[in-house]
Amino acid sequence: MKAKEIYLKDIKQGEKVSSSFLVAEKNMAFSIKGSPYLTVKLKDKTGELDGKVWENAVELDREFKKGDIITIIGRAANYKNALQISITGIKKCNWEEVEPTDYLPGTKGDVGAMYAELIESIGSVTKKPLQELLYAFFKEEKTAELFQRAPAAKGFHHFYLGGLLEHTLSVVRLLIKIADHYPEMDRDMLIAGGLLHDIGKIYEFSYSQLIEYSDEGRLIGHIVMGVEMIDKKISAIPDFPTQLALELRHIILSHHGEFEYGSPKRPKTMEALAVHYMDDLDAKLHAFQAFTSDSGNADSDWTNYNRFFERYLYRKKQPL
């Protein structure tokens, strides 16, 4: 396995760069004089940086495509107050030669420990049909492998390898607290809904190289895909209660809350409402935290304008 030489965050202006990166985007363009040049968005787990190929652009463009790992030779320079790399050489690498987690960001949590906690939460479910259904998903080898690797989104929250597991476990933890506070709610249904609300995302995204939407993700989406997956598992469980199946499917179909956010149904049970709000809360707080930590304008108590939240966000001051 080839060790990565340098990460993007560590590159300084004027430095010679000889290292491997993931190609997030590539575009051919032409200068004012009509000369072709190539723009390559380089990516690793620490961020993204533009690279420019000024010489032999057409020839080098044929050597690789978006989603490839390439080793480049170049030099970092400042252009319009932004760092970029002027690339003079490119060689395509094989994915088998590199460690994928060097090039895609991943959860900082312990994946094994998080998944063990998820399985433990299933053990606390008292309704045996629901417990059997959950084990049918999360003790299945393929599902377990995909669920531990999948992102939760492409660009808003938990958009990294292991993000789906991290987000789902966080939602389930919140729902368990909700169940303790509102004992009239169905704790088993809350846990099942929390665990399965985004199950379709293991197929909505492709994440073996770049994190992208799959064809199924674009054409169908994780909500409908999730219900289809649940229906298939339920059909293999003899005498699964019809009412349980109905309520669980409703949670999946309504967890985005409103029609305008892609939800086929709006929540009509207490459990569905709770799953929707905890899902939404965890996603937004994670996005808020990530943006206030990573946004530019570091000398100010305020972030740059955030287009999703449609506001500037205040960074909490450290206590004196």
C-alpha atoms as a PDB file:
ATOM      1  CA  MET A   1       0.000   0.000   0.000  1.00  0.00           C
ATOM      2  CA  LYS A   2       1.520   3.286  -1.105  1.00  0.00           C
ATOM      3  CA  ALA A   3       1.830   5.916   1.662  1.00  0.00           C
ATOM      4  CA  LYS A   4       0.512   9.371   0.843  1.00  0.00           C
ATOM      5  CA  GLU A   5       3.326  11.928   0.644  1.00  0.00           C
ATOM      6  CA  ILE A   6       1.531  15.152   1.667  1.00  0.00           C
ATOM      7  CA  TYR A   7      -2.018  16.332   2.357  1.00  0.00           C
ATOM      8  CA  LEU A   8      -3.566  19.416   0.769  1.00  0.00           C
ATOM      9  CA  LYS A   9      -3.916  21.273   4.064  1.00  0.00           C
ATOM     10  CA  ASP A  10      -0.136  21.097   4.573  1.00  0.00           C
ATOM     11  CA  ILE A  11       0.890  22.525   1.186  1.00  0.00           C
ATOM     12  CA  LYS A  12       2.457  25.991   1.336  1.00  0.00           C
ATOM     13  CA  GLN A  13       2.926  28.623  -1.342  1.00  0.00           C
ATOM     14  CA  GLY A  14       6.077  28.106  -3.395  1.00  0.00           C
ATOM     15  CA  GLU A  15       6.504  24.448  -2.438  1.00  0.00           C
ATOM     16  CA  LYS A  16       7.200  21.746  -4.990  1.00  0.00           C
ATOM     17  CA  VAL A  17       4.452  19.127  -4.836  1.00  0.00           C
ATOM     18  CA  SER A  18       4.889  15.464  -5.721  1.00  0.00           C
ATOM     19  CA  SER A  19       2.007  13.452  -4.326  1.00  0.00           C
ATOM     20  CA  SER A  20      -1.195  11.600  -5.131  1.00  0.00           C
ATOM     21  CA  PHE A  21      -4.707  13.060  -5.044  1.00  0.00           C
ATOM     22  CA  LEU A  22      -8.264  12.161  -6.015  1.00  0.00           C
ATOM     23  CA  VAL A  23      -9.664  13.893  -9.092  1.00  0.00           C
ATOM     24  CA  ALA A  24     -12.926  15.507  -7.962  1.00  0.00           C
ATOM     25  CA  GLU A  25     -13.469  17.468 -11.194  1.00  0.00           C
ATOM     26  CA  LYS A  26     -11.649  18.114 -14.470  1.00  0.00           C
ATOM     27  CA  ASN A  27     -12.434  20.649 -17.177  1.00  0.00           C
ATOM     28  CA  MET A  28     -10.730  21.676 -20.413  1.00  0.00           C
ATOM     29  CA  ALA A  29     -10.797  25.363 -21.319  1.00  0.00           C
ATOM     30  CA  PHE A  30      -9.031  27.800 -23.618  1.00  0.00           C
ATOM     31  CA  SER A  31      -7.024  30.913 -22.867  1.00  0.00           C
ATOM     32  CA  ILE A  32      -7.618  34.282 -24.560  1.00  0.00           C
ATOM     33  CA  LYS A  33      -4.933  33.319 -27.063  1.00  0.00           C
ATOM     34  CA  GLY A  34      -6.740  30.063 -27.825  1.00  0.00           C
ATOM     35  CA  SER A  35      -4.335  27.743 -26.041  1.00  0.00           C
ATOM     36  CA  PRO A  36      -5.944  24.774 -24.239  1.00  0.00           C
ATOM     37  CA  TYR A  37      -5.446  24.375 -20.506  1.00  0.00           C
ATOM     38  CA  LEU A  38      -6.817  21.904 -17.981  1.00  0.00           C
ATOM     39  CA  THR A  39      -8.347  22.645 -14.581  1.00  0.00           C
ATOM     40  CA  VAL A  40      -8.277  19.755 -12.116  1.00  0.00           C
ATOM     41  CA  LYS A  41      -9.936  19.876  -8.689  1.00  0.00           C
ATOM     42  CA  LEU A  42      -7.671  17.832  -6.440  1.00  0.00           C
ATOM     43  CA  LYS A  43      -9.109  16.227  -3.320  1.00  0.00           C
ATOM     44  CA  ASP A  44      -7.961  14.340  -0.241  1.00  0.00           C
ATOM     45  CA  LYS A  45      -9.428  13.862   3.215  1.00  0.00           C
ATOM     46  CA  THR A  46      -8.250  17.331   4.295  1.00  0.00           C
ATOM     47  CA  GLY A  47      -9.938  19.357   1.555  1.00  0.00           C
ATOM     48  CA  GLU A  48      -9.861  20.408  -2.093  1.00  0.00           C
ATOM     49  CA  LEU A  49      -7.507  22.533  -4.189  1.00  0.00           C
ATOM     50  CA  ASP A  50      -7.441  23.591  -7.841  1.00  0.00           C
ATOM     51  CA  GLY A  51      -4.642  22.493 -10.124  1.00  0.00           C
ATOM     52  CA  LYS A  52      -3.831  23.919 -13.562  1.00  0.00           C
ATOM     53  CA  VAL A  53      -2.145  22.169 -16.483  1.00  0.00           C
ATOM     54  CA  TRP A  54      -0.778  24.790 -18.878  1.00  0.00           C
ATOM     55  CA  GLU A  55       1.505  22.654 -21.059  1.00  0.00           C
ATOM     56  CA  ASN A  56       0.517  19.446 -22.875  1.00  0.00           C
ATOM     57  CA  ALA A  57      -3.020  19.826 -21.542  1.00  0.00           C
ATOM     58  CA  VAL A  58      -4.694  17.839 -24.322  1.00  0.00           C
ATOM     59  CA  GLU A  59      -2.266  14.919 -23.991  1.00  0.00           C
ATOM     60  CA  LEU A  60      -2.469  14.767 -20.204  1.00  0.00           C
ATOM     61  CA  ASP A  61      -6.270  15.060 -20.298  1.00  0.00           C
ATOM     62  CA  ARG A  62      -6.398  11.655 -21.991  1.00  0.00           C
ATOM     63  CA  GLU A  63      -4.465   9.988 -19.173  1.00  0.00           C
ATOM     64  CA  PHE A  64      -7.122  10.115 -16.447  1.00  0.00           C
ATOM     65  CA  LYS A  65     -10.759  10.855 -15.630  1.00  0.00           C
ATOM     66  CA  LYS A  66     -12.885  12.149 -12.782  1.00  0.00           C
ATOM     67  CA  GLY A  67     -12.758   9.756  -9.829  1.00  0.00           C
ATOM     68  CA  ASP A  68      -9.216   8.543 -10.559  1.00  0.00           C
ATOM     69  CA  ILE A  69      -6.264   8.771  -8.210  1.00  0.00           C
ATOM     70  CA  ILE A  70      -3.349  10.592  -9.863  1.00  0.00           C
ATOM     71  CA  THR A  71       0.201  11.389  -8.807  1.00  0.00           C
ATOM     72  CA  ILE A  72       1.115  14.914  -9.833  1.00  0.00           C
ATOM     73  CA  ILE A  73       4.316  16.908 -10.080  1.00  0.00           C
ATOM     74  CA  GLY A  74       3.900  20.651  -9.728  1.00  0.00           C
ATOM     75  CA  ARG A  75       4.414  23.756  -7.660  1.00  0.00           C
ATOM     76  CA  ALA A  76       2.014  25.604  -5.349  1.00  0.00           C
ATOM     77  CA  ALA A  77       1.415  29.264  -6.144  1.00  0.00           C
ATOM     78  CA  ASN A  78      -0.913  32.046  -5.074  1.00  0.00           C
ATOM     79  CA  TYR A  79      -3.410  33.159  -7.697  1.00  0.00           C
ATOM     80  CA  LYS A  80      -6.026  35.825  -6.920  1.00  0.00           C
ATOM     81  CA  ASN A  81      -5.516  35.265  -3.165  1.00  0.00           C
ATOM     82  CA  ALA A  82      -6.080  31.514  -3.475  1.00  0.00           C
ATOM     83  CA  LEU A  83      -3.568  28.701  -3.470  1.00  0.00           C
ATOM     84  CA  GLN A  84      -3.425  26.478  -6.559  1.00  0.00           C
ATOM     85  CA  ILE A  85      -0.958  24.023  -8.028  1.00  0.00           C
ATOM     86  CA  SER A  86       0.647  24.485 -11.426  1.00  0.00           C
ATOM     87  CA  ILE A  87       0.931  20.891 -12.662  1.00  0.00           C
ATOM     88  CA  THR A  88       3.705  19.746 -15.016  1.00  0.00           C
ATOM     89  CA  GLY A  89       3.299  15.971 -14.754  1.00  0.00           C
ATOM     90  CA  ILE A  90       0.474  13.487 -14.124  1.00  0.00           C
ATOM     91  CA  LYS A  91       0.473   9.714 -13.679  1.00  0.00           C
ATOM     92  CA  LYS A  92      -2.647   7.646 -12.975  1.00  0.00           C
ATOM     93  CA  CYS A  93      -2.561   5.324  -9.933  1.00  0.00           C
ATOM     94  CA  ASN A  94      -4.552   2.178  -9.235  1.00  0.00           C
ATOM     95  CA  TRP A  95      -7.030   2.305  -6.347  1.00  0.00           C
ATOM     96  CA  GLU A  96      -5.552  -1.002  -5.125  1.00  0.00           C
ATOM     97  CA  GLU A  97      -2.234   0.804  -4.524  1.00  0.00           C
ATOM     98  CA  VAL A  98      -3.620   3.435  -2.140  1.00  0.00           C
ATOM     99  CA  GLU A  99      -5.574   3.728   1.090  1.00  0.00           C
ATOM    100  CA  PRO A 100      -9.025   5.140   0.112  1.00  0.00           C
ATOM    101  CA  THR A 101      -9.493   6.892   3.467  1.00  0.00           C
ATOM    102  CA  ASP A 102      -6.506   9.125   2.605  1.00  0.00           C
ATOM    103  CA  TYR A 103      -8.568  10.709  -0.161  1.00  0.00           C
ATOM    104  CA  LEU A 104     -12.111  10.833   1.208  1.00  0.00           C
ATOM    105  CA  PRO A 105     -13.012  12.330   4.593  1.00  0.00           C
ATOM    106  CA  GLY A 106     -14.307   9.895   7.188  1.00  0.00           C
ATOM    107  CA  THR A 107     -15.947   9.883  10.601  1.00  0.00           C
ATOM    108  CA  LYS A 108     -13.715  10.649  13.551  1.00  0.00           C
ATOM    109  CA  GLY A 109     -15.693   8.138  15.622  1.00  0.00           C
ATOM    110  CA  ASP A 110     -14.805   4.510  16.254  1.00  0.00           C
ATOM    111  CA  VAL A 111     -16.854   2.695  13.589  1.00  0.00           C
ATOM    112  CA  GLY A 112     -16.710  -0.645  15.378  1.00  0.00           C
ATOM    113  CA  ALA A 113     -17.822   0.824  18.697  1.00  0.00           C
ATOM    114  CA  MET A 114     -20.635   2.804  17.071  1.00  0.00           C
ATOM    115  CA  TYR A 115     -21.949  -0.230  15.222  1.00  0.00           C
ATOM    116  CA  ALA A 116     -21.783  -2.322  18.400  1.00  0.00           C
ATOM    117  CA  GLU A 117     -23.903   0.329  20.164  1.00  0.00           C
ATOM    118  CA  LEU A 118     -26.377   0.243  17.280  1.00  0.00           C
ATOM    119  CA  ILE A 119     -26.709  -3.547  17.624  1.00  0.00           C
ATOM    120  CA  GLU A 120     -27.098  -3.134  21.386  1.00  0.00           C
ATOM    121  CA  SER A 121     -30.025  -0.760  20.848  1.00  0.00           C
ATOM    122  CA  ILE A 122     -31.754  -3.473  18.792  1.00  0.00           C
ATOM    123  CA  GLY A 123     -31.374  -5.833  21.741  1.00  0.00           C
ATOM    124  CA  SER A 124     -33.497  -3.479  23.854  1.00  0.00           C
ATOM    125  CA  VAL A 125     -36.476  -3.720  21.449  1.00  0.00           C
ATOM    126  CA  THR A 126     -39.185  -5.798  23.142  1.00  0.00           C
ATOM    127  CA  LYS A 127     -41.507  -6.395  20.179  1.00  0.00           C
ATOM    128  CA  LYS A 128     -40.021  -9.555  18.696  1.00  0.00           C
ATOM    129  CA  PRO A 129     -41.184  -8.985  15.083  1.00  0.00           C
ATOM    130  CA  LEU A 130     -39.554  -5.547  15.073  1.00  0.00           C
ATOM    131  CA  GLN A 131     -36.388  -6.918  16.656  1.00  0.00           C
ATOM    132  CA  GLU A 132     -36.239  -9.726  14.088  1.00  0.00           C
ATOM    133  CA  LEU A 133     -36.658  -7.208  11.283  1.00  0.00           C
ATOM    134  CA  LEU A 134     -33.859  -4.992  12.614  1.00  0.00           C
ATOM    135  CA  TYR A 135     -31.487  -7.916  13.048  1.00  0.00           C
ATOM    136  CA  ALA A 136     -32.340  -9.036   9.497  1.00  0.00           C
ATOM    137  CA  PHE A 137     -30.921  -5.716   8.308  1.00  0.00           C
ATOM    138  CA  PHE A 138     -28.032  -4.976  10.611  1.00  0.00           C
ATOM    139  CA  LYS A 139     -26.676  -8.483  11.117  1.00  0.00           C
ATOM    140  CA  GLU A 140     -26.636  -9.104   7.383  1.00  0.00           C
ATOM    141  CA  GLU A 141     -23.006  -8.943   6.247  1.00  0.00           C
ATOM    142  CA  LYS A 142     -23.539  -6.820   3.125  1.00  0.00           C
ATOM    143  CA  THR A 143     -25.823  -4.311   4.848  1.00  0.00           C
ATOM    144  CA  ALA A 144     -23.439  -4.016   7.795  1.00  0.00           C
ATOM    145  CA  GLU A 145     -20.491  -3.363   5.483  1.00  0.00           C
ATOM    146  CA  LEU A 146     -22.309  -0.709   3.453  1.00  0.00           C
ATOM    147  CA  PHE A 147     -23.928   0.957   6.475  1.00  0.00           C
ATOM    148  CA  GLN A 148     -20.570   1.411   8.193  1.00  0.00           C
ATOM    149  CA  ARG A 149     -19.073   3.058   5.107  1.00  0.00           C
ATOM    150  CA  ALA A 150     -21.916   5.103   3.578  1.00  0.00           C
ATOM    151  CA  PRO A 151     -22.192   8.893   3.943  1.00  0.00           C
ATOM    152  CA  ALA A 152     -25.408  10.431   5.269  1.00  0.00           C
ATOM    153  CA  ALA A 153     -25.502  13.106   2.559  1.00  0.00           C
ATOM    154  CA  LYS A 154     -23.511  14.486  -0.346  1.00  0.00           C
ATOM    155  CA  GLY A 155     -22.947  18.000   0.869  1.00  0.00           C
ATOM    156  CA  PHE A 156     -24.978  19.217   3.872  1.00  0.00           C
ATOM    157  CA  HIS A 157     -24.381  17.045   6.922  1.00  0.00           C
ATOM    158  CA  HIS A 158     -22.283  13.970   7.742  1.00  0.00           C
ATOM    159  CA  PHE A 159     -21.042  13.975   4.123  1.00  0.00           C
ATOM    160  CA  TYR A 160     -18.144  11.602   4.699  1.00  0.00           C
ATOM    161  CA  LEU A 161     -17.461   7.883   4.989  1.00  0.00           C
ATOM    162  CA  GLY A 162     -19.158   6.519   8.102  1.00  0.00           C
ATOM    163  CA  GLY A 163     -21.456   9.537   8.225  1.00  0.00           C
ATOM    164  CA  LEU A 164     -24.643   7.488   7.905  1.00  0.00           C
ATOM    165  CA  LEU A 165     -23.718   5.322  10.890  1.00  0.00           C
ATOM    166  CA  GLU A 166     -22.726   8.352  12.956  1.00  0.00           C
ATOM    167  CA  HIS A 167     -25.923  10.247  12.115  1.00  0.00           C
ATOM    168  CA  THR A 168     -28.235   7.253  12.601  1.00  0.00           C
ATOM    169  CA  LEU A 169     -26.756   6.389  15.983  1.00  0.00           C
ATOM    170  CA  SER A 170     -27.065  10.015  17.093  1.00  0.00           C
ATOM    171  CA  VAL A 171     -30.746  10.072  16.054  1.00  0.00           C
ATOM    172  CA  VAL A 172     -31.421   6.816  17.934  1.00  0.00           C
ATOM    173  CA  ARG A 173     -29.741   8.179  21.071  1.00  0.00           C
ATOM    174  CA  LEU A 174     -31.995  11.241  20.904  1.00  0.00           C
ATOM    175  CA  LEU A 175     -35.098   9.110  20.357  1.00  0.00           C
ATOM    176  CA  ILE A 176     -34.295   6.970  23.396  1.00  0.00           C
ATOM    177  CA  LYS A 177     -34.198  10.156  25.468  1.00  0.00           C
ATOM    178  CA  ILE A 178     -37.511  11.215  23.941  1.00  0.00           C
ATOM    179  CA  ALA A 179     -39.019   7.838  24.857  1.00  0.00           C
ATOM    180  CA  ASP A 180     -37.915   8.289  28.471  1.00  0.00           C
ATOM    181  CA  HIS A 181     -39.464  11.766  28.575  1.00  0.00           C
ATOM    182  CA  TYR A 182     -42.727  10.774  26.852  1.00  0.00           C
ATOM    183  CA  PRO A 183     -43.549   7.264  28.178  1.00  0.00           C
ATOM    184  CA  GLU A 184     -46.826   7.229  26.229  1.00  0.00           C
ATOM    185  CA  MET A 185     -44.839   6.896  23.014  1.00  0.00           C
ATOM    186  CA  ASP A 186     -43.911   3.508  21.534  1.00  0.00           C
ATOM    187  CA  ARG A 187     -40.212   3.148  22.386  1.00  0.00           C
ATOM    188  CA  ASP A 188     -39.735   0.140  20.119  1.00  0.00           C
ATOM    189  CA  MET A 189     -41.214   1.964  17.149  1.00  0.00           C
ATOM    190  CA  LEU A 190     -39.035   5.007  17.837  1.00  0.00           C
ATOM    191  CA  ILE A 191     -35.885   2.891  17.830  1.00  0.00           C
ATOM    192  CA  ALA A 192     -36.921   0.983  14.722  1.00  0.00           C
ATOM    193  CA  GLY A 193     -37.853   4.183  12.898  1.00  0.00           C
ATOM    194  CA  GLY A 194     -34.610   5.857  13.927  1.00  0.00           C
ATOM    195  CA  LEU A 195     -32.497   2.926  12.796  1.00  0.00           C
ATOM    196  CA  LEU A 196     -34.240   2.504   9.449  1.00  0.00           C
ATOM    197  CA  HIS A 197     -35.227   6.039   8.461  1.00  0.00           C
ATOM    198  CA  ASP A 198     -32.199   6.440   6.153  1.00  0.00           C
ATOM    199  CA  ILE A 199     -31.529   2.786   5.326  1.00  0.00           C
ATOM    200  CA  GLY A 200     -32.047   3.493   1.609  1.00  0.00           C
ATOM    201  CA  LYS A 201     -28.954   5.711   1.625  1.00  0.00           C
ATOM    202  CA  ILE A 202     -26.659   2.694   1.499  1.00  0.00           C
ATOM    203  CA  TYR A 203     -27.782   2.465  -2.145  1.00  0.00           C
ATOM    204  CA  GLU A 204     -28.709   6.110  -2.795  1.00  0.00           C
ATOM    205  CA  PHE A 205     -25.025   7.034  -2.934  1.00  0.00           C
ATOM    206  CA  SER A 206     -21.978   5.523  -4.557  1.00  0.00           C
ATOM    207  CA  TYR A 207     -18.893   5.928  -2.377  1.00  0.00           C
ATOM    208  CA  SER A 208     -16.244   3.519  -3.570  1.00  0.00           C
ATOM    209  CA  GLN A 209     -14.396   6.509  -5.060  1.00  0.00           C
ATOM    210  CA  LEU A 210     -16.061   9.938  -5.079  1.00  0.00           C
ATOM    211  CA  ILE A 211     -19.231  10.423  -3.062  1.00  0.00           C
ATOM    212  CA  GLU A 212     -21.909  10.723  -5.733  1.00  0.00           C
ATOM    213  CA  TYR A 213     -25.575   9.881  -6.203  1.00  0.00           C
ATOM    214  CA  SER A 214     -26.188   6.463  -7.739  1.00  0.00           C
ATOM    215  CA  ASP A 215     -28.599   6.100 -10.651  1.00  0.00           C
ATOM    216  CA  GLU A 216     -31.166   4.662  -8.206  1.00  0.00           C
ATOM    217  CA  GLY A 217     -30.565   7.562  -5.866  1.00  0.00           C
ATOM    218  CA  ARG A 218     -31.297  10.151  -8.538  1.00  0.00           C
ATOM    219  CA  LEU A 219     -34.244   8.311 -10.102  1.00  0.00           C
ATOM    220  CA  ILE A 220     -35.958   6.936  -6.987  1.00  0.00           C
ATOM    221  CA  GLY A 221     -34.397   8.336  -3.803  1.00  0.00           C
ATOM    222  CA  HIS A 222     -33.660   6.858  -0.391  1.00  0.00           C
ATOM    223  CA  ILE A 223     -37.178   7.256   1.038  1.00  0.00           C
ATOM    224  CA  VAL A 224     -38.914   5.032  -1.510  1.00  0.00           C
ATOM    225  CA  MET A 225     -35.890   2.727  -1.683  1.00  0.00           C
ATOM    226  CA  GLY A 226     -36.012   2.347   2.099  1.00  0.00           C
ATOM    227  CA  VAL A 227     -39.684   1.350   2.099  1.00  0.00           C
ATOM    228  CA  GLU A 228     -39.010  -1.178  -0.660  1.00  0.00           C
ATOM    229  CA  MET A 229     -36.151  -2.675   1.358  1.00  0.00           C
ATOM    230  CA  ILE A 230     -38.319  -2.897   4.491  1.00  0.00           C
ATOM    231  CA  ASP A 231     -41.196  -4.505   2.584  1.00  0.00           C
ATOM    232  CA  LYS A 232     -38.838  -7.137   1.192  1.00  0.00           C
ATOM    233  CA  LYS A 233     -37.477  -8.023   4.650  1.00  0.00           C
ATOM    234  CA  ILE A 234     -40.950  -8.092   6.210  1.00  0.00           C
ATOM    235  CA  SER A 235     -42.192 -10.480   3.530  1.00  0.00           C
ATOM    236  CA  ALA A 236     -39.598 -13.007   4.727  1.00  0.00           C
ATOM    237  CA  ILE A 237     -40.825 -12.850   8.369  1.00  0.00           C
ATOM    238  CA  PRO A 238     -43.855 -15.116   8.954  1.00  0.00           C
ATOM    239  CA  ASP A 239     -46.940 -13.395  10.399  1.00  0.00           C
ATOM    240  CA  PHE A 240     -45.333  -9.964  10.753  1.00  0.00           C
ATOM    241  CA  PRO A 241     -48.078  -7.757  12.298  1.00  0.00           C
ATOM    242  CA  THR A 242     -49.789  -5.629   9.654  1.00  0.00           C
ATOM    243  CA  GLN A 243     -50.200  -2.641  11.997  1.00  0.00           C
ATOM    244  CA  LEU A 244     -46.516  -2.606  12.939  1.00  0.00           C
ATOM    245  CA  ALA A 245     -45.527  -2.686   9.278  1.00  0.00           C
ATOM    246  CA  LEU A 246     -47.946   0.144   8.484  1.00  0.00           C
ATOM    247  CA  GLU A 247     -46.665   2.428  11.244  1.00  0.00           C
ATOM    248  CA  LEU A 248     -43.016   1.744  10.443  1.00  0.00           C
ATOM    249  CA  ARG A 249     -43.487   2.387   6.734  1.00  0.00           C
ATOM    250  CA  HIS A 250     -45.244   5.647   7.583  1.00  0.00           C
ATOM    251  CA  ILE A 251     -42.219   6.789   9.616  1.00  0.00           C
ATOM    252  CA  ILE A 252     -39.915   6.201   6.656  1.00  0.00           C
ATOM    253  CA  LEU A 253     -42.268   7.923   4.210  1.00  0.00           C
ATOM    254  CA  SER A 254     -42.758  10.981   6.431  1.00  0.00           C
ATOM    255  CA  HIS A 255     -39.355  11.556   8.024  1.00  0.00           C
ATOM    256  CA  HIS A 256     -38.521  14.562   5.826  1.00  0.00           C
ATOM    257  CA  GLY A 257     -41.539  16.262   7.348  1.00  0.00           C
ATOM    258  CA  GLU A 258     -42.957  18.322   4.494  1.00  0.00           C
ATOM    259  CA  PHE A 259     -43.825  17.750   0.848  1.00  0.00           C
ATOM    260  CA  GLU A 260     -41.445  20.533  -0.219  1.00  0.00           C
ATOM    261  CA  TYR A 261     -38.519  18.603   1.299  1.00  0.00           C
ATOM    262  CA  GLY A 262     -39.308  15.423  -0.637  1.00  0.00           C
ATOM    263  CA  SER A 263     -41.496  13.738   1.955  1.00  0.00           C
ATOM    264  CA  PRO A 264     -44.295  11.682   0.317  1.00  0.00           C
ATOM    265  CA  LYS A 265     -46.268  11.975   3.562  1.00  0.00           C
ATOM    266  CA  ARG A 266     -46.276  14.331   6.544  1.00  0.00           C
ATOM    267  CA  PRO A 267     -45.958  12.786  10.034  1.00  0.00           C
ATOM    268  CA  LYS A 268     -49.315  11.592  11.362  1.00  0.00           C
ATOM    269  CA  THR A 269     -48.193   9.615  14.431  1.00  0.00           C
ATOM    270  CA  MET A 270     -46.280  10.820  17.478  1.00  0.00           C
ATOM    271  CA  GLU A 271     -43.441   8.454  16.674  1.00  0.00           C
ATOM    272  CA  ALA A 272     -43.196   9.682  13.075  1.00  0.00           C
ATOM    273  CA  LEU A 273     -43.175  13.293  14.285  1.00  0.00           C
ATOM    274  CA  ALA A 274     -40.407  12.542  16.791  1.00  0.00           C
ATOM    275  CA  VAL A 275     -38.258  10.749  14.201  1.00  0.00           C
ATOM    276  CA  HIS A 276     -38.668  13.662  11.789  1.00  0.00           C
ATOM    277  CA  TYR A 277     -37.667  16.296  14.332  1.00  0.00           C
ATOM    278  CA  MET A 278     -34.720  14.351  15.744  1.00  0.00           C
ATOM    279  CA  ASP A 279     -33.448  13.593  12.244  1.00  0.00           C
ATOM    280  CA  ASP A 280     -33.768  17.259  11.306  1.00  0.00           C
ATOM    281  CA  LEU A 281     -32.213  18.457  14.572  1.00  0.00           C
ATOM    282  CA  ASP A 282     -29.177  16.198  14.327  1.00  0.00           C
ATOM    283  CA  ALA A 283     -28.555  17.102  10.682  1.00  0.00           C
ATOM    284  CA  LYS A 284     -28.833  20.858  11.246  1.00  0.00           C
ATOM    285  CA  LEU A 285     -26.784  20.978  14.434  1.00  0.00           C
ATOM    286  CA  HIS A 286     -24.032  18.939  12.788  1.00  0.00           C
ATOM    287  CA  ALA A 287     -24.039  21.252   9.759  1.00  0.00           C
ATOM    288  CA  PHE A 288     -24.040  24.314  12.034  1.00  0.00           C
ATOM    289  CA  GLN A 289     -21.102  23.002  14.035  1.00  0.00           C
ATOM    290  CA  ALA A 290     -19.122  22.039  10.944  1.00  0.00           C
ATOM    291  CA  PHE A 291     -19.650  25.431   9.286  1.00  0.00           C
ATOM    292  CA  THR A 292     -18.755  27.493  12.348  1.00  0.00           C
ATOM    293  CA  SER A 293     -15.600  25.407  12.753  1.00  0.00           C
ATOM    294  CA  ASP A 294     -14.471  25.446   9.120  1.00  0.00           C
ATOM    295  CA  SER A 295     -15.821  28.694   7.693  1.00  0.00           C
ATOM    296  CA  GLY A 296     -13.413  31.417   6.665  1.00  0.00           C
ATOM    297  CA  ASN A 297     -13.216  34.852   8.305  1.00  0.00           C
ATOM    298  CA  ALA A 298     -11.440  33.264  11.282  1.00  0.00           C
ATOM    299  CA  ASP A 299     -10.605  36.638  12.871  1.00  0.00           C
ATOM    300  CA  SER A 300     -14.305  37.421  13.339  1.00  0.00           C
ATOM    301  CA  ASP A 301     -16.880  36.060  15.774  1.00  0.00           C
ATOM    302  CA  TRP A 302     -19.155  35.660  12.754  1.00  0.00           C
ATOM    303  CA  THR A 303     -18.889  33.177   9.882  1.00  0.00           C
ATOM    304  CA  ASN A 304     -19.235  33.943   6.220  1.00  0.00           C
ATOM    305  CA  TYR A 305     -22.810  33.911   4.925  1.00  0.00           C
ATOM    306  CA  ASN A 306     -24.285  30.414   4.942  1.00  0.00           C
ATOM    307  CA  ARG A 307     -26.580  29.793   1.967  1.00  0.00           C
ATOM    308  CA  PHE A 308     -28.442  26.887   3.559  1.00  0.00           C
ATOM    309  CA  PHE A 309     -29.263  28.639   6.830  1.00  0.00           C
ATOM    310  CA  GLU A 310     -29.618  31.955   4.939  1.00  0.00           C
ATOM    311  CA  ARG A 311     -27.772  33.885   7.627  1.00  0.00           C
ATOM    312  CA  TYR A 312     -24.411  34.615   9.190  1.00  0.00           C
ATOM    313  CA  LEU A 313     -23.686  32.281  12.107  1.00  0.00           C
ATOM    314  CA  TYR A 314     -22.257  33.376  15.419  1.00  0.00           C
ATOM    315  CA  ARG A 315     -19.235  31.581  16.776  1.00  0.00           C
ATOM    316  CA  LYS A 316     -19.538  31.054  20.491  1.00  0.00           C
ATOM    317  CA  LYS A 317     -16.769  32.918  22.306  1.00  0.00           C
ATOM    318  CA  GLN A 318     -14.422  30.897  24.461  1.00  0.00           C
ATOM    319  CA  PRO A 319     -14.754  31.604  28.186  1.00  0.00           C
ATOM    320  CA  LEU A 320     -12.096  33.864  29.671  1.00  0.00           C
END
